[in-house]
């Protein structure tokens, strides 16, 4: 539902209210001292007119129903991401929601689904009380309360939830074109298959697995399991792919992700990567500062306008907690994939600079503050620096263009840190947002409707060093000092 439609419905509502007020004012101005026959006729006409006006007003409100949410959190309004996904539907989708009337969260989900149905004529929502229509539930294979069944042609999706985000993500999975994200293996990269187990965090009301509780997925710290789960939730296929010198990178890989390689590339492997980019491939590379980059990979990256430097960036100003190597980024380079990003952090990063390359456009995405410098050894940050000066150091680049002799335009994102996409740091602050936005850009979906998948971890309160220092000063110095001062004043007044 567009903004113009919202204003149109609001205008209808205001018009009906004004009409009723005019009718009330007219009734108050009717003459009283009239003959009985005239009084009866006038009352009859007034009642008839009121009935007709109310009848027409109800028809107008029914056909132009407006929704107003006066809560600050917009608790009774679907999220803009969910509305954008529904508005972007290009094919009819049937949504059957089997709910339990006694469940408060399920009733709220029903209201949300009715509001989402207004956003597009391609979404047909059917609300079903599973206790009253068990035959339909059996026909669709539903056995659990609060289950949404989505049908689009021959495709089907099922989700058990009372959360609109899960239903919107199911819509996204059901209707998006199939794309494959390949994760490179063979050089000790982070694995996407991590041991994991599912649990949940209790809500404030009672034992609950719906919106009052919180689902959790625990897994080992090092790995890309959470990133893999996030990609699968938005409908992307995921596969491991060994970098083969013979076969190269398969053409069905819409994007190639390589996070934290630990062994050097061979020249044939680097050549296979070059051929993939020359054919219009998309490549996401995340490297740790201690990775020794071989000459063949350096040459391929130079062709796409990316240069890797040694050392680790030390930033005394913009860092996370008290670790000056954990870079905090609040200001990003001007690029489509950085729009709307909040604070993200990177535990130890190497500099990544832009190189001149014919037919290639590069953009610095991530940079440290103007007071940062580069140290040779991350374990001894006070050791001699690579360069003598201080200044902003870029450690994340986006590049696009066409290689010499290539057949299509490539897209590349290189980040001088790999830990930020690992299970340890991926869910927190805007790390997941940056990683998923990078992949959306690599897949040429930067303008498509998107929704951030829920990352199933415990909620944490995270603070910067400045915030921690402020809380310490307030609670340890200011508040006790004020109490001591108040006590001193009381003692002084009694003494005098």
Protein backbone atom coordinates (compact mmCIF):
# COMPACT_ATOMS: atom_id res chain seq x y z
CA UNK A 1 0.00 0.00 0.00
CA UNK A 2 1.58 3.25 -1.14
CA UNK A 3 1.83 6.45 0.85
CA UNK A 4 -0.70 8.07 -1.49
CA UNK A 5 -3.18 5.28 -0.70
CA UNK A 6 -2.64 5.83 3.03
CA UNK A 7 -3.43 9.54 2.65
CA UNK A 8 -6.47 8.69 0.54
CA UNK A 9 -7.87 6.41 3.21
CA UNK A 10 -7.15 9.01 5.89
CA UNK A 11 -9.05 11.57 3.79
CA UNK A 12 -12.04 9.19 3.52
CA UNK A 13 -12.03 8.72 7.30
CA UNK A 14 -11.84 12.49 7.91
CA UNK A 15 -14.66 13.08 5.43
CA UNK A 16 -16.94 10.59 7.18
CA UNK A 17 -16.24 12.18 10.56
CA UNK A 18 -16.99 15.65 9.17
CA UNK A 19 -20.25 14.39 7.64
CA UNK A 20 -21.36 12.95 10.97
CA UNK A 21 -20.52 16.21 12.75
CA UNK A 22 -22.52 18.17 10.17
CA UNK A 23 -25.45 15.81 10.70
CA UNK A 24 -25.21 16.32 14.48
CA UNK A 25 -25.08 20.10 14.09
CA UNK A 26 -28.10 20.04 11.78
CA UNK A 27 -30.03 17.99 14.32
CA UNK A 28 -29.25 20.46 17.10
CA UNK A 29 -30.54 23.38 15.01
CA UNK A 30 -33.94 21.82 14.25
CA UNK A 31 -36.89 23.91 15.53
CA UNK A 32 -38.66 22.56 18.61
CA UNK A 33 -41.92 24.59 18.78
CA UNK A 34 -43.76 23.00 15.87
CA UNK A 35 -47.05 21.14 15.46
CA UNK A 36 -47.19 17.41 16.31
CA UNK A 37 -47.70 16.29 12.72
CA UNK A 38 -44.71 18.35 11.55
CA UNK A 39 -42.70 17.14 14.52
CA UNK A 40 -43.41 13.50 13.64
CA UNK A 41 -42.55 14.04 9.98
CA UNK A 42 -39.37 15.92 10.88
CA UNK A 43 -38.26 13.25 13.34
CA UNK A 44 -38.96 10.53 10.82
CA UNK A 45 -36.98 12.36 8.16
CA UNK A 46 -34.13 12.98 10.60
CA UNK A 47 -34.00 9.33 11.63
CA UNK A 48 -34.19 8.17 8.02
CA UNK A 49 -31.47 10.60 6.99
CA UNK A 50 -29.26 9.49 9.89
CA UNK A 51 -29.75 5.82 9.00
CA UNK A 52 -28.90 6.48 5.36
CA UNK A 53 -25.85 8.57 6.32
CA UNK A 54 -24.57 5.92 8.75
CA UNK A 55 -25.20 3.18 6.18
CA UNK A 56 -23.29 5.03 3.47
CA UNK A 57 -20.54 5.93 5.95
CA UNK A 58 -20.09 2.27 6.89
CA UNK A 59 -19.92 1.29 3.23
CA UNK A 60 -17.30 3.97 2.64
CA UNK A 61 -15.27 2.89 5.68
CA UNK A 62 -15.51 -0.78 4.73
CA UNK A 63 -14.33 -0.15 1.18
CA UNK A 64 -11.67 2.34 2.26
CA UNK A 65 -10.64 0.97 5.65
CA UNK A 66 -7.82 3.00 7.23
CA UNK A 67 -5.37 1.71 9.82
CA UNK A 68 -3.96 4.01 12.48
CA UNK A 69 -1.19 2.94 14.86
CA UNK A 70 -0.56 5.52 17.56
CA UNK A 71 2.01 3.45 19.48
CA UNK A 72 5.57 4.79 19.49
CA UNK A 73 7.02 1.39 18.55
CA UNK A 74 4.48 0.86 15.71
CA UNK A 75 3.58 -2.38 17.46
CA UNK A 76 0.40 -2.94 15.44
CA UNK A 77 1.84 -2.11 12.02
CA UNK A 78 3.79 -4.47 9.74
CA UNK A 79 7.43 -3.54 9.30
CA UNK A 80 8.42 -1.57 6.22
CA UNK A 81 10.63 -4.47 5.09
CA UNK A 82 7.69 -6.90 5.17
CA UNK A 83 5.47 -4.42 3.33
CA UNK A 84 8.14 -3.91 0.67
CA UNK A 85 8.41 -7.67 0.11
CA UNK A 86 4.62 -7.96 -0.31
CA UNK A 87 4.49 -4.92 -2.62
CA UNK A 88 7.24 -6.52 -4.72
CA UNK A 89 5.23 -9.69 -5.44
CA UNK A 90 5.02 -10.33 -9.18
CA UNK A 91 2.97 -13.53 -9.02
CA UNK A 92 -0.12 -14.61 -7.06
CA UNK A 93 0.62 -16.13 -3.66
CA UNK A 94 -1.94 -17.87 -1.44
CA UNK A 95 -1.28 -17.71 2.29
CA UNK A 96 -3.21 -19.97 4.68
CA UNK A 97 -2.67 -19.18 8.34
CA UNK A 98 -3.88 -21.82 10.81
CA UNK A 99 -4.07 -20.25 14.24
CA UNK A 100 -5.42 -20.79 17.73
CA UNK A 101 -7.88 -18.16 18.91
CA UNK A 102 -6.75 -18.41 22.52
CA UNK A 103 -3.19 -17.42 21.61
CA UNK A 104 -2.72 -13.66 21.96
CA UNK A 105 0.35 -13.61 19.71
CA UNK A 106 -1.54 -15.56 17.04
CA UNK A 107 -4.40 -13.04 17.08
CA UNK A 108 -1.88 -10.23 16.62
CA UNK A 109 -0.34 -12.15 13.70
CA UNK A 110 -3.77 -12.44 12.07
CA UNK A 111 -4.22 -8.67 12.26
CA UNK A 112 -0.77 -8.15 10.75
CA UNK A 113 -1.49 -10.55 7.90
CA UNK A 114 -4.74 -8.74 7.10
CA UNK A 115 -2.80 -5.48 6.90
CA UNK A 116 -0.16 -7.07 4.66
CA UNK A 117 -2.89 -8.36 2.35
CA UNK A 118 -3.82 -4.77 1.54
CA UNK A 119 -0.35 -4.07 0.20
CA UNK A 120 -0.69 -6.17 -2.95
CA UNK A 121 -3.43 -7.75 -5.02
CA UNK A 122 -1.08 -10.72 -5.54
CA UNK A 123 -1.33 -11.79 -1.89
CA UNK A 124 -4.48 -13.68 -0.89
CA UNK A 125 -4.66 -14.40 2.85
CA UNK A 126 -7.00 -17.02 4.30
CA UNK A 127 -7.29 -17.16 8.09
CA UNK A 128 -8.28 -20.59 9.39
CA UNK A 129 -9.21 -21.68 12.90
CA UNK A 130 -7.64 -25.13 12.90
CA UNK A 131 -10.18 -26.42 15.44
CA UNK A 132 -13.14 -25.43 13.23
CA UNK A 133 -11.71 -26.54 9.86
CA UNK A 134 -9.61 -29.65 10.52
CA UNK A 135 -10.30 -31.03 7.02
CA UNK A 136 -8.49 -28.12 5.35
CA UNK A 137 -5.62 -28.49 7.82
CA UNK A 138 -5.33 -32.20 6.99
CA UNK A 139 -5.42 -31.52 3.25
CA UNK A 140 -2.51 -29.08 3.56
CA UNK A 141 -0.63 -31.28 6.00
CA UNK A 142 -0.89 -28.95 9.00
CA UNK A 143 -0.55 -30.52 12.42
CA UNK A 144 0.58 -27.59 14.58
CA UNK A 145 -1.10 -24.36 15.64
CA UNK A 146 0.11 -21.06 14.20
CA UNK A 147 1.33 -22.53 10.92
CA UNK A 148 1.53 -20.50 7.71
CA UNK A 149 1.30 -22.32 4.38
CA UNK A 150 2.36 -20.30 1.32
CA UNK A 151 1.59 -21.48 -2.20
CA UNK A 152 2.88 -19.93 -5.42
CA UNK A 153 2.24 -22.11 -8.45
CA UNK A 154 3.95 -25.45 -7.79
CA UNK A 155 6.13 -24.04 -5.02
CA UNK A 156 5.25 -24.35 -1.35
CA UNK A 157 6.67 -22.93 1.87
CA UNK A 158 5.72 -23.69 5.46
CA UNK A 159 6.63 -21.82 8.61
CA UNK A 160 5.45 -22.23 12.20
CA UNK A 161 5.48 -18.78 13.76
CA UNK A 162 3.56 -15.80 15.02
CA UNK A 163 6.28 -13.43 13.81
CA UNK A 164 5.63 -11.40 10.66
CA UNK A 165 9.36 -11.41 9.83
CA UNK A 166 9.38 -15.20 9.47
CA UNK A 167 6.36 -15.06 7.18
CA UNK A 168 7.91 -12.26 5.09
CA UNK A 169 11.13 -14.28 4.80
CA UNK A 170 9.08 -17.29 3.66
CA UNK A 171 7.52 -15.08 0.98
CA UNK A 172 11.01 -14.02 -0.08
CA UNK A 173 12.22 -17.62 -0.28
CA UNK A 174 9.12 -18.67 -2.20
CA UNK A 175 9.25 -16.01 -4.91
CA UNK A 176 12.91 -15.08 -5.45
CA UNK A 177 14.89 -16.44 -8.36
CA UNK A 178 17.27 -19.28 -7.47
CA UNK A 179 20.80 -18.07 -6.76
CA UNK A 180 23.77 -20.08 -5.50
CA UNK A 181 26.41 -18.73 -3.13
CA UNK A 182 29.56 -20.87 -3.16
CA UNK A 183 31.91 -20.92 -0.16
CA UNK A 184 35.49 -21.62 -1.14
CA UNK A 185 37.31 -24.52 0.51
CA UNK A 186 40.76 -26.03 0.21
CA UNK A 187 42.81 -23.34 1.96
CA UNK A 188 41.70 -23.77 5.57
CA UNK A 189 38.82 -21.29 5.28
CA UNK A 190 36.11 -20.98 7.91
CA UNK A 191 33.68 -23.87 7.54
CA UNK A 192 29.96 -23.31 6.97
CA UNK A 193 29.00 -26.64 8.61
CA UNK A 194 29.34 -26.10 12.34
CA UNK A 195 28.04 -28.17 15.22
CA UNK A 196 24.89 -26.48 16.48
CA UNK A 197 22.01 -27.12 18.82
CA UNK A 198 18.68 -25.37 19.22
CA UNK A 199 17.17 -24.01 22.42
CA UNK A 200 15.17 -20.96 23.45
CA UNK A 201 15.24 -18.10 25.93
CA UNK A 202 12.19 -17.61 28.13
CA UNK A 203 10.08 -14.51 27.71
CA UNK A 204 8.71 -12.35 30.49
CA UNK A 205 5.27 -13.99 30.62
CA UNK A 206 5.56 -17.77 30.66
CA UNK A 207 7.05 -20.76 28.91
CA UNK A 208 6.54 -19.81 25.27
CA UNK A 209 8.01 -20.49 21.84
CA UNK A 210 6.24 -17.66 20.05
CA UNK A 211 6.95 -13.94 20.14
CA UNK A 212 7.07 -13.99 23.95
CA UNK A 213 10.05 -16.36 23.85
CA UNK A 214 13.28 -16.15 21.88
CA UNK A 215 14.73 -18.93 19.73
CA UNK A 216 18.44 -19.59 20.13
CA UNK A 217 20.93 -21.51 18.04
CA UNK A 218 24.23 -22.19 19.78
CA UNK A 219 27.28 -23.15 17.73
CA UNK A 220 31.04 -23.10 17.83
CA UNK A 221 32.70 -19.69 17.68
CA UNK A 222 34.91 -20.11 14.62
CA UNK A 223 33.02 -20.85 11.46
CA UNK A 224 30.40 -19.39 9.14
CA UNK A 225 27.39 -21.38 10.32
CA UNK A 226 25.40 -18.30 11.30
CA UNK A 227 26.13 -16.61 7.99
CA UNK A 228 25.06 -19.75 6.12
CA UNK A 229 21.80 -19.92 8.09
CA UNK A 230 21.11 -16.26 7.36
CA UNK A 231 21.58 -16.78 3.61
CA UNK A 232 19.33 -19.83 3.62
CA UNK A 233 16.62 -17.92 5.47
CA UNK A 234 16.45 -15.30 2.70
CA UNK A 235 16.17 -17.98 0.03
CA UNK A 236 19.73 -18.34 -1.26
CA UNK A 237 21.22 -21.74 -1.98
CA UNK A 238 24.58 -22.45 -0.35
CA UNK A 239 27.30 -24.89 -1.35
CA UNK A 240 30.94 -25.62 -0.59
CA UNK A 241 33.21 -25.24 -3.59
CA UNK A 242 36.84 -26.27 -3.83
CA UNK A 243 39.03 -23.97 -5.90
CA UNK A 244 40.13 -26.33 -8.64
CA UNK A 245 42.88 -25.47 -11.06
CA UNK A 246 41.32 -27.78 -13.65
CA UNK A 247 37.62 -27.04 -13.43
CA UNK A 248 37.88 -23.48 -12.12
CA UNK A 249 34.87 -21.90 -10.45
CA UNK A 250 31.61 -23.39 -11.80
CA UNK A 251 29.42 -21.02 -13.77
CA UNK A 252 26.40 -21.75 -11.54
CA UNK A 253 28.11 -19.98 -8.62
CA UNK A 254 26.37 -16.61 -8.54
CA UNK A 255 28.90 -15.45 -5.94
CA UNK A 256 32.07 -16.91 -4.42
CA UNK A 257 32.81 -16.29 -0.73
CA UNK A 258 36.25 -16.92 0.75
CA UNK A 259 36.69 -16.15 4.44
CA UNK A 260 40.00 -16.58 6.27
CA UNK A 261 42.16 -18.67 3.90
CA UNK A 262 45.22 -19.99 5.72
CA UNK A 263 47.36 -21.50 2.95
CA UNK A 264 48.82 -19.88 -0.15
CA UNK A 265 47.21 -20.03 -3.58
CA UNK A 266 48.93 -21.83 -6.39
CA UNK A 267 49.29 -19.95 -9.70
CA UNK A 268 46.76 -22.26 -11.45
CA UNK A 269 44.20 -21.56 -8.72
CA UNK A 270 44.71 -17.82 -9.05
CA UNK A 271 44.28 -18.18 -12.80
CA UNK A 272 41.01 -20.05 -12.26
CA UNK A 273 39.83 -17.15 -10.07
CA UNK A 274 40.85 -14.65 -12.75
CA UNK A 275 38.84 -16.55 -15.39
CA UNK A 276 35.82 -16.56 -13.10
CA UNK A 277 36.02 -12.77 -12.66
CA UNK A 278 36.63 -12.27 -16.38
CA UNK A 279 33.35 -14.05 -17.04
CA UNK A 280 31.44 -11.64 -14.80
CA UNK A 281 31.86 -13.40 -11.46
CA UNK A 282 31.24 -11.98 -7.99
CA UNK A 283 33.86 -12.47 -5.26
CA UNK A 284 33.78 -11.74 -1.51
CA UNK A 285 37.22 -12.04 0.10
CA UNK A 286 37.92 -11.60 3.82
CA UNK A 287 41.58 -11.89 4.88
CA UNK A 288 43.21 -11.82 8.30
CA UNK A 289 46.26 -9.55 8.86
CA UNK A 290 48.59 -12.51 9.39
CA UNK A 291 47.80 -14.20 6.05
CA UNK A 292 50.81 -14.13 3.68
CA UNK A 293 49.40 -13.27 0.26
CA UNK A 294 51.21 -14.99 -2.60
CA UNK A 295 52.26 -13.19 -5.76
CA UNK A 296 49.73 -14.87 -8.06
CA UNK A 297 46.72 -13.82 -5.93
CA UNK A 298 48.22 -10.34 -5.52
CA UNK A 299 48.39 -10.02 -9.31
CA UNK A 300 44.74 -11.04 -9.75
CA UNK A 301 43.59 -8.57 -7.09
CA UNK A 302 45.67 -5.82 -8.70
CA UNK A 303 43.78 -6.38 -11.96
CA UNK A 304 40.51 -5.60 -10.10
CA UNK A 305 41.96 -2.50 -8.43
CA UNK A 306 42.68 -3.95 -4.97
CA UNK A 307 46.00 -3.90 -3.13
CA UNK A 308 46.68 -5.71 0.15
CA UNK A 309 49.18 -4.40 2.70
CA UNK A 310 50.91 -6.07 5.63
CA UNK A 311 50.47 -5.16 9.27
CA UNK A 312 47.50 -4.44 11.52
CA UNK A 313 45.66 -1.14 11.92
CA UNK A 314 45.81 0.46 15.39
CA UNK A 315 43.13 3.07 16.07
CA UNK A 316 43.35 4.94 19.40
CA UNK A 317 40.16 6.87 18.67
CA UNK A 318 37.49 4.69 17.02
CA UNK A 319 37.72 1.25 18.57
CA UNK A 320 35.42 -1.16 20.35
CA UNK A 321 35.64 -1.62 24.11
CA UNK A 322 39.28 -1.04 25.16
CA UNK A 323 41.00 -2.90 22.30
CA UNK A 324 42.59 -0.43 19.88
CA UNK A 325 42.88 -3.18 17.27
CA UNK A 326 39.11 -3.82 17.28
CA UNK A 327 38.11 -1.14 14.79
CA UNK A 328 34.68 0.46 15.14
CA UNK A 329 33.11 1.98 12.02
CA UNK A 330 30.21 4.43 12.12
CA UNK A 331 30.97 6.34 8.89
CA UNK A 332 31.14 4.41 5.66
CA UNK A 333 32.18 5.20 2.13
CA UNK A 334 29.50 6.42 -0.27
CA UNK A 335 28.22 3.23 -1.87
CA UNK A 336 24.85 1.58 -2.40
CA UNK A 337 25.69 -1.29 -0.05
CA UNK A 338 26.54 0.98 2.90
CA UNK A 339 23.24 2.90 2.99
CA UNK A 340 21.62 2.89 6.41
CA UNK A 341 24.34 0.87 8.14
CA UNK A 342 24.90 1.42 11.86
CA UNK A 343 28.01 0.73 13.95
CA UNK A 344 30.00 -2.34 12.95
CA UNK A 345 33.30 -3.59 14.35
CA UNK A 346 36.26 -5.56 13.02
CA UNK A 347 38.65 -7.46 15.36
CA UNK A 348 42.07 -6.69 13.85
CA UNK A 349 42.23 -5.63 10.21
CA UNK A 350 44.95 -5.14 7.63
CA UNK A 351 45.02 -2.17 5.25
CA UNK A 352 43.39 -2.62 1.85
CA UNK A 353 44.15 0.12 -0.66
CA UNK A 354 42.75 1.08 -4.03
CA UNK A 355 44.93 0.60 -7.12
CA UNK A 356 44.57 2.13 -10.55
CA UNK A 357 43.21 -0.45 -12.99
CA UNK A 358 41.83 0.12 -16.46
CA UNK A 359 38.06 -0.17 -16.68
CA UNK A 360 37.66 -0.68 -12.93
CA UNK A 361 35.86 1.51 -10.36
CA UNK A 362 36.80 1.12 -6.69
CA UNK A 363 35.18 2.56 -3.56
CA UNK A 364 36.58 2.55 -0.03
CA UNK A 365 33.85 1.11 2.18
CA UNK A 366 35.57 0.83 5.57
CA UNK A 367 38.16 3.20 7.05
CA UNK A 368 39.73 3.88 10.43
CA UNK A 369 40.02 7.29 12.07
CA UNK A 370 42.57 9.99 11.24
CA UNK A 371 44.62 9.05 14.33
CA UNK A 372 45.21 5.44 13.32
CA UNK A 373 48.48 3.87 12.23
CA UNK A 374 49.74 0.48 11.04
CA UNK A 375 51.84 -1.81 13.25
CA UNK A 376 54.00 -4.63 11.94
CA UNK A 377 53.08 -7.07 14.69
CA UNK A 378 49.56 -7.33 16.12
CA UNK A 379 51.02 -8.79 19.35
CA UNK A 380 53.30 -5.75 19.76
CA UNK A 381 51.28 -2.72 18.63
CA UNK A 382 53.88 -0.30 20.02
CA UNK A 383 56.58 -1.70 17.71
CA UNK A 384 57.84 0.35 14.73
CA UNK A 385 55.07 1.07 12.25
CA UNK A 386 55.00 0.33 8.57
CA UNK A 387 54.69 4.02 7.77
CA UNK A 388 55.76 6.88 9.98
CA UNK A 389 52.58 8.93 9.63
CA UNK A 390 49.11 8.66 11.08
CA UNK A 391 45.94 8.91 9.07
CA UNK A 392 42.77 7.14 7.98
CA UNK A 393 43.46 3.62 6.70
CA UNK A 394 40.99 1.87 4.42
CA UNK A 395 40.47 -1.83 5.08
CA UNK A 396 37.40 -2.60 2.96
CA UNK A 397 36.94 -1.99 -0.77
CA UNK A 398 34.28 -2.60 -3.41
CA UNK A 399 35.36 -2.89 -7.04
CA UNK A 400 33.45 -3.40 -10.27
CA UNK A 401 34.28 -3.27 -13.94
CA UNK A 402 35.50 -5.54 -16.71
CA UNK A 403 38.86 -7.24 -16.94
CA UNK A 404 40.87 -6.92 -20.10
CA UNK A 405 39.56 -9.58 -22.46
CA UNK A 406 36.60 -10.29 -20.16
CA UNK A 407 33.08 -11.03 -21.37
CA UNK A 408 31.04 -9.45 -18.52
CA UNK A 409 31.40 -7.04 -15.60
CA UNK A 410 32.67 -8.44 -12.31
CA UNK A 411 31.98 -7.30 -8.75
CA UNK A 412 34.40 -7.75 -5.86
CA UNK A 413 34.35 -6.90 -2.13
CA UNK A 414 37.60 -7.29 -0.17
CA UNK A 415 37.84 -6.80 3.61
CA UNK A 416 41.09 -6.93 5.57
CA UNK A 417 39.45 -8.89 8.40
CA UNK A 418 37.68 -12.27 8.41
CA UNK A 419 36.59 -12.61 12.04
CA UNK A 420 33.73 -10.15 11.66
CA UNK A 421 31.75 -12.72 9.62
CA UNK A 422 32.57 -15.62 11.96
CA UNK A 423 30.05 -17.02 14.42
CA UNK A 424 31.70 -15.05 17.24
CA UNK A 425 30.97 -11.60 15.78
CA UNK A 426 28.52 -11.98 12.88
CA UNK A 427 25.28 -11.49 14.91
CA UNK A 428 26.28 -8.33 16.75
CA UNK A 429 25.78 -4.66 15.91
CA UNK A 430 25.76 -4.14 12.12
CA UNK A 431 28.27 -6.85 11.17
CA UNK A 432 25.58 -9.08 9.67
CA UNK A 433 24.02 -6.09 7.90
CA UNK A 434 27.31 -5.22 6.20
CA UNK A 435 28.02 -8.82 5.18
CA UNK A 436 24.51 -9.41 3.78
CA UNK A 437 24.45 -6.02 2.03
CA UNK A 438 27.78 -6.88 0.40
CA UNK A 439 26.41 -10.17 -0.91
CA UNK A 440 23.20 -8.49 -2.13
CA UNK A 441 25.33 -6.05 -4.12
CA UNK A 442 27.51 -8.85 -5.49
CA UNK A 443 24.36 -10.67 -6.62
CA UNK A 444 22.98 -7.49 -8.28
CA UNK A 445 20.08 -7.39 -5.80
CA UNK A 446 20.89 -4.10 -4.13
CA UNK A 447 17.51 -2.63 -5.19
CA UNK A 448 15.42 -5.74 -4.47
CA UNK A 449 13.22 -5.93 -1.35
CA UNK A 450 15.21 -7.38 1.52
CA UNK A 451 14.71 -8.29 5.15
CA UNK A 452 17.37 -9.04 7.72
CA UNK A 453 16.89 -12.61 8.93
CA UNK A 454 16.72 -13.01 12.70
CA UNK A 455 20.05 -14.21 14.10
CA UNK A 456 19.19 -16.57 16.94
CA UNK A 457 21.49 -15.46 19.76
CA UNK A 458 20.99 -14.05 23.22
CA UNK A 459 20.44 -10.28 23.25
CA UNK A 460 23.43 -8.37 24.57
CA UNK A 461 23.94 -4.80 25.70
CA UNK A 462 27.09 -3.62 23.93
CA UNK A 463 28.88 -0.42 24.83
CA UNK A 464 31.75 1.54 23.38
CA UNK A 465 34.71 2.59 25.52
CA UNK A 466 33.30 6.12 25.79
CA UNK A 467 29.97 4.81 27.07
CA UNK A 468 31.69 2.51 29.57
CA UNK A 469 33.80 5.41 30.84
CA UNK A 470 30.70 7.61 31.18
CA UNK A 471 28.82 4.96 33.17
CA UNK A 472 31.85 4.47 35.42
CA UNK A 473 32.15 8.20 36.11
CA UNK A 474 28.41 8.52 36.77
CA UNK A 475 28.00 5.50 39.05
CA UNK A 476 31.38 5.43 40.83
CA UNK A 477 32.25 9.12 41.12
CA UNK A 478 29.30 11.45 40.53
CA UNK A 479 26.48 9.62 42.35
CA UNK A 480 28.51 8.66 45.47
CA UNK A 481 30.00 12.15 45.46
CA UNK A 482 26.54 13.73 45.46
CA UNK A 483 25.45 11.51 48.33
CA UNK A 484 28.58 12.42 50.31
CA UNK A 485 27.99 16.10 49.57
CA UNK A 486 24.34 15.84 50.72
CA UNK A 487 25.45 14.17 53.93
CA UNK A 488 28.06 16.85 54.52
CA UNK A 489 25.45 19.59 54.03
CA UNK A 490 23.06 17.93 56.48
CA UNK A 491 25.84 17.63 59.06
CA UNK A 492 26.81 21.29 58.57
CA UNK A 493 23.20 22.53 58.95
CA UNK A 494 22.70 20.56 62.17
CA UNK A 495 26.02 21.75 63.52
CA UNK A 496 25.07 25.37 63.07
